[in-house]
Amino acid sequence: MQKTATCEQRIDESLARELDTLREFEACDWDVTSDGVEFDHHALSYEWSADAGRFVYLLSTGGPQTEFRFAVDMVGLYGQDLKLASITYHYLDWFDGAERELTGSDYELVQQIFDRYHVC
């Protein structure tokens, strides 16, 4: 019986695929890819998690579940403004999980999702 690869072993390839897809969306002005996929339908959801102080851009569920998490700091006199603190990619599969913090051009690419869709 062959052992299934861990999330840590699979995350980098998964992240690379997602970033390639997002680069294709960026190249077509965040509209529709050459395969006819609409950006607004790419993610399953984009939701605010107030208790965790983050937005989650959910890409897939079940096994594995993949998502980008946007950690934010509340700024301003009453915390009405959001400042993006970090972006991480999560690969989760049945009692296992791995994450990568985005940096550089990958961070800038995915930040465009946050800039486009977050609402205060």
Protein backbone atom coordinates (compact mmCIF):
# COMPACT_ATOMS: atom_id res chain seq x y z
CA MET A 1 0.00 0.00 0.00
CA GLN A 2 1.46 3.34 -1.06
CA LYS A 3 1.40 6.13 1.51
CA THR A 4 -0.34 9.35 0.47
CA ALA A 5 1.92 12.39 0.27
CA THR A 6 1.59 14.86 3.12
CA CYS A 7 0.27 18.38 2.70
CA GLU A 8 3.79 19.68 3.23
CA GLN A 9 4.94 17.57 0.27
CA ARG A 10 2.09 18.76 -1.98
CA ILE A 11 1.68 22.45 -1.11
CA ASP A 12 4.37 23.98 -3.33
CA GLU A 13 3.01 22.40 -6.52
CA SER A 14 -0.54 23.40 -5.58
CA LEU A 15 0.49 26.98 -4.82
CA ALA A 16 2.37 27.23 -8.13
CA ARG A 17 -0.76 26.11 -10.03
CA GLU A 18 -2.94 28.68 -8.24
CA LEU A 19 -0.43 31.47 -8.87
CA ASP A 20 -0.26 30.54 -12.57
CA THR A 21 -4.04 30.76 -12.78
CA LEU A 22 -4.04 34.14 -11.05
CA ARG A 23 -1.34 35.43 -13.41
CA GLU A 24 -3.57 34.44 -16.32
CA PHE A 25 -6.45 36.40 -14.75
CA GLU A 26 -4.14 39.37 -14.23
CA ALA A 27 -3.04 39.21 -17.89
CA CYS A 28 -6.68 39.50 -19.01
CA ASP A 29 -7.49 42.36 -16.61
CA TRP A 30 -9.07 40.05 -13.99
CA ASP A 31 -11.92 39.16 -16.31
CA VAL A 32 -12.00 35.79 -18.11
CA THR A 33 -9.16 33.34 -18.78
CA SER A 34 -8.47 31.79 -22.16
CA ASP A 35 -10.31 28.71 -20.85
CA GLY A 36 -13.45 30.80 -20.27
CA VAL A 37 -13.20 30.83 -16.47
CA GLU A 38 -14.54 34.05 -14.94
CA PHE A 39 -12.50 35.52 -12.10
CA ASP A 40 -15.61 36.21 -10.01
CA HIS A 41 -16.40 32.47 -10.13
CA HIS A 42 -12.83 31.25 -9.53
CA ALA A 43 -13.19 31.11 -5.74
CA LEU A 44 -15.91 29.31 -3.85
CA SER A 45 -16.18 32.21 -1.41
CA TYR A 46 -14.50 35.32 -0.10
CA GLU A 47 -15.49 35.94 3.50
CA TRP A 48 -14.52 37.98 6.53
CA SER A 49 -13.72 36.03 9.69
CA ALA A 50 -14.06 38.64 12.43
CA ASP A 51 -12.90 36.36 15.25
CA ALA A 52 -9.69 35.58 13.37
CA GLY A 53 -9.15 39.07 11.91
CA ARG A 54 -8.77 37.86 8.36
CA PHE A 55 -10.39 37.44 4.97
CA VAL A 56 -10.39 33.97 3.42
CA TYR A 57 -10.37 33.44 -0.35
CA LEU A 58 -11.55 29.81 -0.54
CA LEU A 59 -10.49 27.97 -3.68
CA SER A 60 -11.50 24.36 -2.99
CA THR A 61 -12.99 22.19 -0.25
CA GLY A 62 -13.27 18.56 0.65
CA GLY A 63 -9.88 17.06 0.23
CA PRO A 64 -7.82 19.02 -0.15
CA GLN A 65 -9.07 22.42 0.86
CA THR A 66 -7.03 25.31 -0.50
CA GLU A 67 -7.30 28.98 0.37
CA PHE A 68 -5.51 32.28 0.64
CA ARG A 69 -5.79 33.99 4.02
CA PHE A 70 -5.40 37.74 4.29
CA ALA A 71 -4.48 38.75 7.85
CA VAL A 72 -5.40 42.35 8.57
CA ASP A 73 -4.78 44.95 11.24
CA MET A 74 -7.60 47.29 12.14
CA VAL A 75 -6.31 50.87 12.04
CA GLY A 76 -7.81 54.29 12.47
CA LEU A 77 -9.43 55.89 15.47
CA TYR A 78 -12.25 53.34 15.54
CA GLY A 79 -10.57 50.49 13.65
CA GLN A 80 -12.54 51.35 10.53
CA ASP A 81 -9.61 50.96 8.14
CA LEU A 82 -7.91 47.72 7.25
CA LYS A 83 -4.18 47.31 6.72
CA LEU A 84 -3.04 44.09 5.10
CA ALA A 85 -0.54 42.41 7.46
CA SER A 86 0.24 39.16 5.61
CA ILE A 87 -1.01 36.72 2.98
CA THR A 88 -0.68 32.97 3.43
CA TYR A 89 -1.67 30.03 1.26
CA HIS A 90 -3.12 27.00 3.06
CA TYR A 91 -3.35 23.42 1.85
CA LEU A 92 -5.51 21.34 4.19
CA ASP A 93 -6.41 17.68 3.91
CA TRP A 94 -7.98 15.50 6.62
CA PHE A 95 -6.03 16.09 9.84
CA ASP A 96 -3.03 17.46 7.96
CA GLY A 97 -2.15 20.91 6.71
CA ALA A 98 0.60 23.15 5.44
CA GLU A 99 0.97 26.85 4.77
CA ARG A 100 3.23 29.23 2.93
CA GLU A 101 3.58 32.95 3.56
CA LEU A 102 3.65 34.88 0.31
CA THR A 103 6.41 37.38 -0.45
CA GLY A 104 7.66 39.46 -3.35
CA SER A 105 5.83 39.28 -6.67
CA ASP A 106 3.59 36.44 -5.44
CA TYR A 107 2.43 38.66 -2.56
CA GLU A 108 1.83 41.59 -4.93
CA LEU A 109 -0.17 39.40 -7.30
CA VAL A 110 -2.47 37.99 -4.62
CA GLN A 111 -2.74 41.37 -2.89
CA GLN A 112 -4.72 42.49 -5.94
CA ILE A 113 -7.51 40.12 -4.88
CA PHE A 114 -7.63 41.76 -1.46
CA ASP A 115 -7.55 45.24 -2.97
CA ARG A 116 -10.33 44.32 -5.39
CA TYR A 117 -12.73 42.53 -3.04
CA HIS A 118 -12.34 43.54 0.58
CA VAL A 119 -15.02 45.79 2.02
CA CYS A 120 -14.75 47.78 5.21
